[in-house]
Amino acid sequence: MLFGRRKDMARRRWRLSAKLLIASSVATVIGFSAICANVMLEMRRGEEELARQMLENLAASIDADIGRNIELYDLSLRAVASNLVMPELKDVSKEIRHLILFDRAASAKHFGAIQVFDASGRLWIDASSLDPRPEIRADEEYFAVHRSNPDEGLFVSRPMLHRGAYSIVLSRRISDAEGRFLGVAAGSIRFSYFHELFDRLNLSPDDTITVLRRDRTVIMRKPFNLDIIGKNLATVRSWSANNLKPTGSYAGQGPVDATPRLYVRRDSSGPLYVVVGKPLEAIFRVWQREVIRIGAIMTALILFVLGTTFFLGREISRRAQAEDRLEELATTDALTGLKNRRKFDLEIDTEWRRAVRGRTPVALLMIDADHFKSYNDNYGHQAGDQVLVGIAICISDSVRRAGDCVARFGGEEFAVLLPGFSVTEALAVAENIRHKVAHWSDEEVTTVSIGVASMMPSAGLDWPDLIAAADKALYAAKANGRNQTVVANVPKLAMVA
């Protein structure tokens, strides 16, 4: 009995271990997948942060170079605007005036000569010539701005064709001591300066550098495109200035083309600011290759682990099913299909313990076929087996509860365990069985004798005492003439017909 219980517990552990194996493997796969996904996301954030730092450094260097050159040129414009109002300048010759105004003016191959226009817009002084050719610039944007706004300071024009070259014009207002408008000092920085500056940088073909005026007018852009130069991005409705704030960054589609980029804006105190961009595809190219490689490895490992787990789980389940089948074969009587003696001992032990805990009775019927030995001798073992099968069917038809146990106790003897039944209830079942067998065999083949016992588990009693009581009642039924039911008188075991 103890061995049987241990085997039953071992079988349940096998079933539990299969479920735990699958659940733990799935949980492990999910956990490692989550960790791997988190690592991949951290790598992506790292790539983006590295690219952002690189773009910030690039934008800072470009902004510093542009700001320095504009500042140098602005110093020359300031000097010209302040020296022109000196009273002494009226009485000097053109040569001396040039020396005074332009001796310290910034000069470089990309800087245009400084020009001075009077209050009507006519060219008055030109740094490149003592006798300049007549020009009128009263209609230019920079002239109109200074004429109408005394506090404008340095003004940077839109990109324009100036003196035969694409340039931006830098200008300052000239005012007298009372603040009256006297004219404009203007100079230019040619596009060649920006081209040369950008060409010194090691950029990918799809990287962008954009120099903008404060009103978001494009001054210069790499790659160079005349259709974009001079365009005011404030008119682009699909783009908001809040996307890219000063000294900020933005990842996505920009206002000029549809290529998603990481944009970084560098702002200084000057009239221009710089935005650099790098395609997101280029930033994450290495990361994407790593994701594909690691993802492929992880997928292969996950498939291997899950495949192995389900294979082992299936094998464990098959083993459990095989053990169940073997257990069923080991606990089932091959002839009648009822439980055998070994299974009956396990069932009665379990029910007795349950009755002890619940303080409920346990009833037992011991059933024996009458005159079976002589019938078996006269008609043969095959006929005798048919009789035993018929008795088993009659007993099974009379016992319907799931917790009841019908077993072939041995030879022509059967046992019926009825948990929770009193003597009266057990006697009713016994009589039903006896009448069914008598009706089935017409009392010509065989009848049955039944011993009935019911006990309330208590100290000093165990289930073998219940079997002994029912067995004595059975012998009493046999001794009293067979084909009858006798109830054991517990605990004195007096037999009552």
Protein backbone atom coordinates (compact mmCIF):
# COMPACT_ATOMS: atom_id res chain seq x y z
CA MET A 1 0.00 0.00 0.00
CA LEU A 2 2.77 2.41 0.91
CA PHE A 3 4.56 1.61 -2.35
CA GLY A 4 1.38 2.34 -4.32
CA ARG A 5 0.94 5.72 -2.68
CA ARG A 6 4.55 6.63 -3.39
CA LYS A 7 4.16 5.66 -7.02
CA ASP A 8 0.99 7.74 -7.37
CA MET A 9 2.76 10.76 -5.86
CA ALA A 10 5.73 10.23 -8.20
CA ARG A 11 3.39 10.20 -11.21
CA ARG A 12 1.80 13.47 -10.14
CA ARG A 13 5.27 15.00 -9.73
CA TRP A 14 6.14 13.93 -13.29
CA ARG A 15 3.06 15.72 -14.61
CA LEU A 16 3.79 18.80 -12.56
CA SER A 17 7.43 18.84 -13.65
CA ALA A 18 6.41 18.85 -17.34
CA LYS A 19 4.23 21.92 -16.83
CA LEU A 20 6.91 23.61 -14.74
CA LEU A 21 9.54 22.82 -17.36
CA ILE A 22 7.48 24.44 -20.13
CA ALA A 23 6.45 27.41 -17.95
CA SER A 24 10.00 28.04 -16.71
CA SER A 25 11.42 27.78 -20.24
CA VAL A 26 8.83 30.20 -21.62
CA ALA A 27 9.48 32.59 -18.70
CA THR A 28 13.24 32.32 -19.29
CA VAL A 29 12.81 33.03 -23.01
CA ILE A 30 10.60 36.04 -22.26
CA GLY A 31 13.07 37.30 -19.65
CA PHE A 32 16.10 36.99 -21.92
CA SER A 33 14.15 38.54 -24.81
CA ALA A 34 13.21 41.49 -22.62
CA ILE A 35 16.82 41.92 -21.49
CA CYS A 36 18.06 41.66 -25.08
CA ALA A 37 15.45 44.19 -26.27
CA ASN A 38 16.45 46.57 -23.47
CA VAL A 39 20.13 46.24 -24.39
CA MET A 40 19.28 46.92 -28.04
CA LEU A 41 17.32 50.03 -27.10
CA GLU A 42 20.18 51.24 -24.91
CA MET A 43 22.57 50.69 -27.81
CA ARG A 44 20.25 52.68 -30.05
CA ARG A 45 20.07 55.53 -27.54
CA GLY A 46 23.86 55.41 -27.28
CA GLU A 47 24.26 55.65 -31.07
CA GLU A 48 21.84 58.58 -31.18
CA GLU A 49 23.59 60.37 -28.31
CA LEU A 50 27.01 59.86 -29.94
CA ALA A 51 25.69 61.26 -33.23
CA ARG A 52 24.12 64.20 -31.40
CA GLN A 53 27.41 65.07 -29.72
CA MET A 54 29.25 64.84 -33.04
CA LEU A 55 26.71 67.10 -34.74
CA GLU A 56 26.82 69.57 -31.83
CA ASN A 57 30.61 69.81 -32.15
CA LEU A 58 30.34 70.23 -35.93
CA ALA A 59 27.68 72.91 -35.62
CA ALA A 60 29.70 74.71 -32.94
CA SER A 61 32.83 74.83 -35.12
CA ILE A 62 30.89 76.09 -38.17
CA ASP A 63 29.02 78.66 -36.12
CA ALA A 64 32.25 79.88 -34.55
CA ASP A 65 33.95 80.32 -37.95
CA ILE A 66 30.97 82.15 -39.47
CA GLY A 67 30.48 84.28 -36.38
CA ARG A 68 34.15 85.27 -36.27
CA ASN A 69 34.21 86.38 -39.91
CA ILE A 70 30.96 88.31 -39.60
CA GLU A 71 32.29 90.01 -36.47
CA LEU A 72 35.53 91.00 -38.22
CA TYR A 73 33.62 92.39 -41.16
CA ASP A 74 31.19 94.19 -38.85
CA LEU A 75 34.10 95.90 -37.07
CA SER A 76 35.16 97.36 -40.43
CA LEU A 77 31.60 98.54 -41.11
CA ARG A 78 31.43 100.12 -37.67
CA ALA A 79 34.72 101.93 -38.25
CA VAL A 80 33.55 103.26 -41.61
CA ALA A 81 30.15 104.39 -40.20
CA SER A 82 31.76 106.19 -37.22
CA ASN A 83 34.65 107.79 -39.18
CA LEU A 84 32.37 109.19 -41.87
CA VAL A 85 30.74 111.62 -39.41
CA MET A 86 34.09 113.09 -38.33
CA PRO A 87 34.15 116.83 -39.32
CA GLU A 88 37.82 116.64 -40.32
CA LEU A 89 37.01 114.16 -43.09
CA LYS A 90 35.33 116.84 -45.21
CA ASP A 91 38.55 118.70 -45.97
CA VAL A 92 40.85 115.78 -46.84
CA SER A 93 41.58 114.39 -50.26
CA LYS A 94 40.05 111.15 -51.59
CA GLU A 95 43.29 109.26 -51.01
CA ILE A 96 43.53 110.31 -47.37
CA ARG A 97 39.85 109.60 -46.87
CA HIS A 98 40.37 106.07 -48.20
CA LEU A 99 43.26 105.55 -45.83
CA ILE A 100 41.22 106.77 -42.88
CA LEU A 101 38.10 104.75 -43.74
CA PHE A 102 39.52 101.50 -45.11
CA ASP A 103 43.08 101.18 -43.84
CA ARG A 104 42.06 98.68 -41.15
CA ALA A 105 39.09 97.20 -42.94
CA ALA A 106 38.92 93.43 -42.98
CA SER A 107 40.08 92.00 -46.27
CA ALA A 108 39.91 88.46 -47.57
CA LYS A 109 39.29 86.81 -50.91
CA HIS A 110 35.67 86.08 -49.97
CA PHE A 111 34.93 89.57 -48.64
CA GLY A 112 33.49 92.17 -51.04
CA ALA A 113 34.69 95.77 -50.93
CA ILE A 114 32.86 98.09 -48.52
CA GLN A 115 30.63 100.68 -50.16
CA VAL A 116 29.01 103.80 -48.72
CA PHE A 117 25.67 105.01 -50.03
CA ASP A 118 24.26 108.44 -49.23
CA ALA A 119 20.80 109.17 -47.87
CA SER A 120 19.28 108.93 -51.36
CA GLY A 121 20.83 105.53 -52.08
CA ARG A 122 23.53 106.70 -54.49
CA LEU A 123 27.00 105.24 -54.24
CA TRP A 124 29.21 107.77 -52.50
CA ILE A 125 32.41 105.96 -51.57
CA ASP A 126 33.79 102.58 -52.74
CA ALA A 127 36.75 100.90 -51.05
CA SER A 128 37.77 99.34 -54.36
CA SER A 129 38.01 102.61 -56.33
CA LEU A 130 38.70 106.28 -55.80
CA ASP A 131 36.25 107.12 -58.56
CA PRO A 132 33.41 104.57 -58.29
CA ARG A 133 30.91 104.04 -61.07
CA PRO A 134 27.43 105.41 -60.38
CA GLU A 135 25.12 103.04 -58.52
CA ILE A 136 21.75 103.49 -56.85
CA ARG A 137 20.68 101.03 -54.10
CA ALA A 138 17.71 102.85 -52.65
CA ASP A 139 15.42 99.92 -53.55
CA GLU A 140 17.51 97.24 -51.84
CA GLU A 141 16.16 95.52 -48.72
CA TYR A 142 19.11 96.47 -46.55
CA PHE A 143 18.88 100.15 -47.52
CA ALA A 144 15.14 100.32 -46.77
CA VAL A 145 15.63 98.58 -43.40
CA HIS A 146 18.26 101.06 -42.19
CA ARG A 147 16.39 104.08 -43.50
CA SER A 148 13.23 103.17 -41.59
CA ASN A 149 14.77 101.65 -38.45
CA PRO A 150 17.47 103.64 -36.62
CA ASP A 151 18.10 100.82 -34.10
CA GLU A 152 18.61 98.00 -36.57
CA GLY A 153 22.38 97.60 -36.03
CA LEU A 154 24.09 95.02 -38.24
CA PHE A 155 21.74 93.73 -40.94
CA VAL A 156 22.32 90.59 -43.01
CA SER A 157 20.46 90.57 -46.32
CA ARG A 158 18.83 87.70 -48.09
CA PRO A 159 21.13 85.83 -50.50
CA MET A 160 21.40 87.91 -53.66
CA LEU A 161 23.49 88.55 -56.75
CA HIS A 162 25.75 91.39 -55.62
CA ARG A 163 28.40 92.93 -57.89
CA GLY A 164 28.48 89.83 -60.11
CA ALA A 165 28.64 87.16 -57.38
CA TYR A 166 26.10 85.42 -55.15
CA SER A 167 26.59 86.90 -51.71
CA ILE A 168 25.00 88.10 -48.53
CA VAL A 169 25.23 91.82 -47.86
CA LEU A 170 26.21 93.06 -44.39
CA SER A 171 25.27 96.68 -43.69
CA ARG A 172 25.12 99.33 -40.99
CA ARG A 173 23.27 102.64 -40.79
CA ILE A 174 25.21 105.92 -40.87
CA SER A 175 23.66 108.60 -38.64
CA ASP A 176 24.81 112.07 -37.58
CA ALA A 177 25.09 113.26 -33.99
CA GLU A 178 21.35 114.08 -33.91
CA GLY A 179 20.45 110.58 -35.26
CA ARG A 180 19.49 111.74 -38.75
CA PHE A 181 19.89 109.23 -41.53
CA LEU A 182 22.98 109.95 -43.65
CA GLY A 183 23.31 106.68 -45.55
CA VAL A 184 24.42 103.05 -45.36
CA ALA A 185 27.80 101.32 -45.16
CA ALA A 186 27.52 97.94 -46.88
CA GLY A 187 29.79 95.05 -47.72
CA SER A 188 29.37 91.44 -48.78
CA ILE A 189 30.49 87.89 -48.01
CA ARG A 190 30.48 85.75 -51.13
CA PHE A 191 29.02 82.24 -51.29
CA SER A 192 32.50 80.98 -52.06
CA TYR A 193 33.32 81.46 -48.38
CA PHE A 194 30.61 79.00 -47.34
CA HIS A 195 31.54 76.54 -50.10
CA GLU A 196 35.17 76.55 -49.02
CA LEU A 197 34.21 76.21 -45.34
CA PHE A 198 31.90 73.24 -45.97
CA ASP A 199 34.32 71.54 -48.35
CA ARG A 200 36.91 71.36 -45.57
CA LEU A 201 34.54 69.16 -43.58
CA ASN A 202 34.40 65.40 -43.94
CA LEU A 203 30.67 64.93 -44.56
CA SER A 204 28.57 62.13 -46.00
CA PRO A 205 26.60 62.93 -49.19
CA ASP A 206 23.26 63.06 -47.32
CA ASP A 207 24.52 65.15 -44.40
CA THR A 208 23.19 68.70 -44.37
CA ILE A 209 24.46 72.04 -43.11
CA THR A 210 22.05 74.97 -43.16
CA VAL A 211 22.87 78.57 -42.26
CA LEU A 212 19.79 80.64 -41.50
CA ARG A 213 18.91 84.19 -40.69
CA ARG A 214 16.95 84.91 -37.52
CA ASP A 215 13.70 85.12 -39.49
CA ARG A 216 14.45 81.52 -40.70
CA THR A 217 15.54 82.58 -44.18
CA VAL A 218 17.99 80.06 -45.64
CA ILE A 219 21.33 81.82 -46.27
CA MET A 220 23.32 78.78 -47.36
CA ARG A 221 22.83 75.04 -47.43
CA LYS A 222 24.89 72.00 -48.20
CA PRO A 223 24.06 70.22 -50.47
CA PHE A 224 23.80 73.45 -52.47
CA ASN A 225 20.47 74.09 -54.18
CA LEU A 226 19.52 77.52 -55.53
CA ASP A 227 15.83 76.66 -55.19
CA ILE A 228 16.27 76.44 -51.41
CA ILE A 229 18.70 79.32 -50.94
CA GLY A 230 16.77 82.41 -49.88
CA LYS A 231 13.63 80.44 -48.96
CA ASN A 232 11.92 81.44 -45.72
CA LEU A 233 11.11 78.26 -43.75
CA ALA A 234 8.51 80.15 -41.75
CA THR A 235 6.24 79.69 -44.76
CA VAL A 236 6.49 75.89 -44.62
CA ARG A 237 3.24 74.90 -42.90
CA SER A 238 4.28 71.30 -42.26
CA TRP A 239 7.18 72.46 -40.08
CA SER A 240 6.97 74.19 -36.72
CA ALA A 241 9.76 76.25 -35.23
CA ASN A 242 9.09 74.52 -31.91
CA ASN A 243 10.42 71.27 -33.38
CA LEU A 244 13.96 72.61 -33.28
CA LYS A 245 14.52 75.11 -30.51
CA PRO A 246 17.81 76.99 -29.92
CA THR A 247 20.68 74.64 -28.90
CA GLY A 248 18.21 71.76 -29.24
CA SER A 249 17.84 68.68 -31.43
CA TYR A 250 15.10 66.99 -33.41
CA ALA A 251 14.83 63.54 -35.00
CA GLY A 252 12.48 63.16 -37.96
CA GLN A 253 11.51 64.73 -41.26
CA GLY A 254 12.76 68.28 -41.76
CA PRO A 255 11.23 71.26 -43.56
CA VAL A 256 13.25 70.92 -46.77
CA ASP A 257 13.08 67.25 -47.82
CA ALA A 258 11.47 63.97 -46.71
CA THR A 259 14.63 62.25 -45.49
CA PRO A 260 14.39 61.58 -41.72
CA ARG A 261 17.42 63.09 -40.01
CA LEU A 262 18.78 64.01 -36.63
CA TYR A 263 19.01 67.81 -36.63
CA VAL A 264 21.05 69.86 -34.14
CA ARG A 265 20.76 73.63 -33.90
CA ARG A 266 23.62 75.82 -32.72
CA ASP A 267 22.72 79.31 -31.63
CA SER A 268 25.01 82.22 -30.88
CA SER A 269 24.33 85.91 -30.33
CA GLY A 270 25.02 86.76 -33.99
CA PRO A 271 22.54 87.40 -36.77
CA LEU A 272 22.87 83.86 -38.17
CA TYR A 273 22.55 80.37 -36.71
CA VAL A 274 23.57 76.92 -37.94
CA VAL A 275 21.60 73.67 -38.22
CA VAL A 276 23.37 70.42 -39.10
CA GLY A 277 21.61 67.17 -39.94
CA LYS A 278 22.54 63.52 -40.41
CA PRO A 279 20.21 60.83 -41.83
CA LEU A 280 18.82 58.51 -39.16
CA GLU A 281 19.49 55.58 -41.46
CA ALA A 282 23.22 56.40 -41.44
CA ILE A 283 23.23 56.91 -37.66
CA PHE A 284 21.58 53.57 -36.97
CA ARG A 285 23.13 51.56 -39.82
CA VAL A 286 25.67 49.77 -37.60
CA TRP A 287 23.07 49.37 -34.86
CA GLN A 288 20.61 47.83 -37.30
CA ARG A 289 23.21 45.31 -38.45
CA GLU A 290 23.86 44.37 -34.83
CA VAL A 291 20.14 44.08 -34.16
CA ILE A 292 19.70 41.76 -37.14
CA ARG A 293 22.71 39.65 -36.12
CA ILE A 294 21.79 39.41 -32.44
CA GLY A 295 18.10 39.00 -33.30
CA ALA A 296 18.91 36.07 -35.59
CA ILE A 297 21.03 34.44 -32.89
CA MET A 298 18.35 35.03 -30.24
CA THR A 299 15.63 33.68 -32.55
CA ALA A 300 17.65 30.53 -33.20
CA LEU A 301 18.30 30.07 -29.47
CA ILE A 302 14.64 30.70 -28.61
CA LEU A 303 13.48 28.19 -31.22
CA PHE A 304 16.02 25.67 -29.94
CA VAL A 305 15.04 26.17 -26.30
CA LEU A 306 11.31 26.09 -27.00
CA GLY A 307 11.66 23.12 -29.33
CA THR A 308 13.73 21.21 -26.79
CA THR A 309 11.33 22.17 -24.00
CA PHE A 310 8.22 21.06 -25.85
CA PHE A 311 9.96 17.86 -26.94
CA LEU A 312 10.93 17.08 -23.35
CA GLY A 313 7.49 18.09 -22.13
CA ARG A 314 5.88 15.78 -24.68
CA GLU A 315 8.18 12.93 -23.66
CA ILE A 316 7.37 13.55 -20.00
CA SER A 317 3.65 13.58 -20.83
CA ARG A 318 4.03 10.36 -22.78
CA ARG A 319 5.83 8.79 -19.88
CA ALA A 320 3.09 9.94 -17.51
CA GLN A 321 0.43 8.54 -19.86
CA ALA A 322 2.33 5.27 -20.11
CA GLU A 323 2.58 5.13 -16.34
CA ASP A 324 -1.15 5.87 -16.09
CA ARG A 325 -1.83 3.04 -18.50
CA LEU A 326 0.45 0.71 -16.60
CA GLU A 327 -1.15 1.84 -13.36
CA GLU A 328 -4.58 1.16 -14.84
CA LEU A 329 -3.49 -2.27 -16.00
CA ALA A 330 -1.88 -2.97 -12.63
CA THR A 331 -5.02 -1.95 -10.72
CA THR A 332 -7.74 -3.37 -13.00
CA ASP A 333 -9.02 -6.91 -13.09
CA ALA A 334 -8.49 -8.19 -16.63
CA LEU A 335 -11.65 -10.33 -16.70
CA THR A 336 -14.33 -8.09 -15.21
CA GLY A 337 -12.83 -4.63 -15.77
CA LEU A 338 -13.32 -3.83 -12.09
CA LYS A 339 -10.61 -2.63 -9.76
CA ASN A 340 -8.40 -5.38 -8.41
CA ARG A 341 -7.47 -6.19 -4.81
CA ARG A 342 -4.40 -3.97 -4.84
CA LYS A 343 -6.36 -0.91 -5.98
CA PHE A 344 -9.12 -1.72 -3.51
CA ASP A 345 -6.63 -1.68 -0.62
CA LEU A 346 -5.43 1.78 -1.72
CA GLU A 347 -9.00 3.10 -2.04
CA ILE A 348 -10.18 1.81 1.33
CA ASP A 349 -7.09 3.22 3.04
CA THR A 350 -7.72 6.63 1.48
CA GLU A 351 -11.43 6.66 2.29
CA TRP A 352 -10.81 5.48 5.86
CA ARG A 353 -8.43 8.41 6.44
CA ARG A 354 -10.95 10.82 4.93
CA ALA A 355 -13.67 9.41 7.19
CA VAL A 356 -11.42 9.86 10.21
CA ARG A 357 -10.96 13.53 9.32
CA GLY A 358 -14.63 14.11 8.51
CA ARG A 359 -16.07 11.80 11.22
CA THR A 360 -18.29 10.04 8.67
CA PRO A 361 -19.13 6.30 8.39
CA VAL A 362 -17.65 3.86 5.89
CA ALA A 363 -19.71 0.89 4.63
CA LEU A 364 -18.44 -2.26 2.92
CA LEU A 365 -20.21 -5.05 1.00
CA MET A 366 -18.50 -8.42 0.63
CA ILE A 367 -20.19 -10.39 -2.19
CA ASP A 368 -19.62 -14.04 -3.09
CA ALA A 369 -21.10 -16.11 -5.96
CA ASP A 370 -23.06 -19.08 -4.61
CA HIS A 371 -22.16 -22.62 -5.77
CA PHE A 372 -19.62 -21.15 -8.20
CA LYS A 373 -17.05 -23.94 -7.81
CA SER A 374 -19.51 -26.67 -8.78
CA TYR A 375 -20.82 -24.57 -11.71
CA ASN A 376 -17.25 -23.98 -12.88
CA ASP A 377 -16.48 -27.69 -12.65
CA ASN A 378 -19.65 -28.70 -14.53
CA TYR A 379 -19.65 -26.11 -17.33
CA GLY A 380 -15.98 -25.17 -17.58
CA HIS A 381 -13.87 -22.15 -16.84
CA GLN A 382 -15.11 -20.13 -19.82
CA ALA A 383 -18.72 -20.40 -18.66
CA GLY A 384 -17.60 -19.57 -15.16
CA ASP A 385 -15.85 -16.47 -16.41
CA GLN A 386 -19.08 -15.34 -18.14
CA VAL A 387 -20.90 -15.68 -14.83
CA LEU A 388 -18.31 -13.53 -13.07
CA VAL A 389 -18.59 -10.88 -15.79
CA GLY A 390 -22.38 -10.88 -15.45
CA ILE A 391 -22.17 -10.47 -11.66
CA ALA A 392 -19.67 -7.60 -12.13
CA ILE A 393 -22.09 -5.84 -14.49
CA CYS A 394 -24.97 -6.21 -12.03
CA ILE A 395 -22.85 -4.77 -9.22
CA SER A 396 -21.60 -1.86 -11.35
CA ASP A 397 -25.17 -1.00 -12.43
CA SER A 398 -26.21 -0.81 -8.77
CA VAL A 399 -23.34 1.45 -7.62
CA ARG A 400 -23.44 4.85 -9.31
CA ARG A 401 -21.56 7.34 -7.08
CA ALA A 402 -18.13 8.53 -8.25
CA GLY A 403 -16.52 7.93 -4.85
CA ASP A 404 -17.74 4.32 -4.55
CA CYS A 405 -15.29 1.51 -5.30
CA VAL A 406 -16.28 -1.81 -6.87
CA ALA A 407 -13.50 -4.41 -6.91
CA ARG A 408 -12.93 -8.08 -7.57
CA PHE A 409 -11.63 -9.16 -4.23
CA GLY A 410 -10.44 -12.56 -5.36
CA GLY A 411 -11.80 -15.62 -7.22
CA GLU A 412 -15.60 -15.37 -7.18
CA GLU A 413 -15.61 -12.78 -4.39
CA PHE A 414 -16.35 -9.05 -4.91
CA ALA A 415 -16.13 -6.00 -2.62
CA VAL A 416 -18.09 -2.73 -2.73
CA LEU A 417 -16.79 0.26 -0.75
CA LEU A 418 -19.48 2.85 0.09
CA PRO A 419 -17.97 5.92 1.85
CA GLY A 420 -20.42 7.87 4.00
CA PHE A 421 -23.15 5.18 3.93
CA SER A 422 -24.93 3.98 7.05
CA VAL A 423 -25.86 0.32 7.58
CA THR A 424 -29.40 0.95 6.30
CA GLU A 425 -28.18 2.62 3.10
CA ALA A 426 -25.56 -0.08 2.51
CA LEU A 427 -28.18 -2.81 3.08
CA ALA A 428 -30.42 -1.26 0.41
CA VAL A 429 -27.58 -1.31 -2.12
CA ALA A 430 -26.73 -4.91 -1.19
CA GLU A 431 -30.32 -6.08 -1.67
CA ASN A 432 -30.49 -4.29 -5.03
CA ILE A 433 -27.38 -6.12 -6.16
CA ARG A 434 -28.67 -9.49 -4.93
CA HIS A 435 -32.00 -9.08 -6.73
CA LYS A 436 -30.34 -7.97 -9.96
CA VAL A 437 -28.04 -10.99 -9.98
CA ALA A 438 -31.01 -13.32 -9.22
CA HIS A 439 -33.07 -11.74 -12.01
CA TRP A 440 -30.20 -11.90 -14.48
CA SER A 441 -29.46 -15.61 -13.83
CA ASP A 442 -33.11 -16.66 -13.12
CA GLU A 443 -31.62 -18.30 -10.03
CA GLU A 444 -30.64 -21.26 -12.24
CA VAL A 445 -27.06 -20.23 -12.90
CA THR A 446 -26.02 -18.62 -9.67
CA THR A 447 -27.00 -16.26 -6.87
CA VAL A 448 -24.90 -14.17 -4.49
CA SER A 449 -24.50 -13.96 -0.73
CA ILE A 450 -23.62 -10.57 0.74
CA GLY A 451 -22.09 -9.47 4.02
CA VAL A 452 -22.69 -5.83 5.03
CA ALA A 453 -20.72 -3.80 7.58
CA SER A 454 -20.62 -0.08 8.38
CA MET A 455 -18.25 1.57 10.85
CA MET A 456 -17.63 5.02 12.23
CA PRO A 457 -13.79 5.29 12.48
CA SER A 458 -12.62 5.68 16.06
CA ALA A 459 -9.61 4.98 18.25
CA GLY A 460 -8.64 1.33 18.16
CA LEU A 461 -10.36 0.66 14.82
CA ASP A 462 -8.84 0.48 11.35
CA TRP A 463 -10.12 -0.49 7.94
CA PRO A 464 -8.98 -4.17 8.24
CA ASP A 465 -11.55 -4.41 11.07
CA LEU A 466 -14.23 -3.27 8.59
CA ILE A 467 -13.19 -5.98 6.11
CA ALA A 468 -13.16 -8.60 8.83
CA ALA A 469 -16.65 -7.61 9.97
CA ALA A 470 -18.10 -7.71 6.43
CA ASP A 471 -16.31 -10.99 5.75
CA LYS A 472 -17.83 -12.61 8.87
CA ALA A 473 -21.25 -11.38 7.83
CA LEU A 474 -20.68 -12.96 4.40
CA TYR A 475 -19.79 -16.33 5.96
CA ALA A 476 -22.92 -16.04 8.07
CA ALA A 477 -24.98 -15.53 4.91
CA LYS A 478 -23.38 -18.59 3.38
CA ALA A 479 -24.00 -20.62 6.52
CA ASN A 480 -27.64 -19.52 6.65
CA GLY A 481 -28.44 -20.97 3.22
CA ARG A 482 -26.95 -18.49 0.67
CA ASN A 483 -28.76 -15.96 -1.63
CA GLN A 484 -29.23 -13.56 1.25
CA THR A 485 -27.74 -10.49 2.89
CA VAL A 486 -26.42 -10.44 6.45
CA VAL A 487 -25.47 -7.30 8.37
CA ALA A 488 -22.53 -7.40 10.77
CA ASN A 489 -23.32 -6.29 14.33
CA VAL A 490 -20.47 -3.92 15.05
CA PRO A 491 -18.47 -4.06 17.32
CA LYS A 492 -19.75 -7.43 18.72
CA LEU A 493 -20.11 -8.76 15.20
CA ALA A 494 -23.39 -10.53 16.03
CA MET A 495 -24.95 -11.69 12.75
CA VAL A 496 -28.43 -10.47 11.88
CA ALA A 497 -30.42 -11.93 8.96
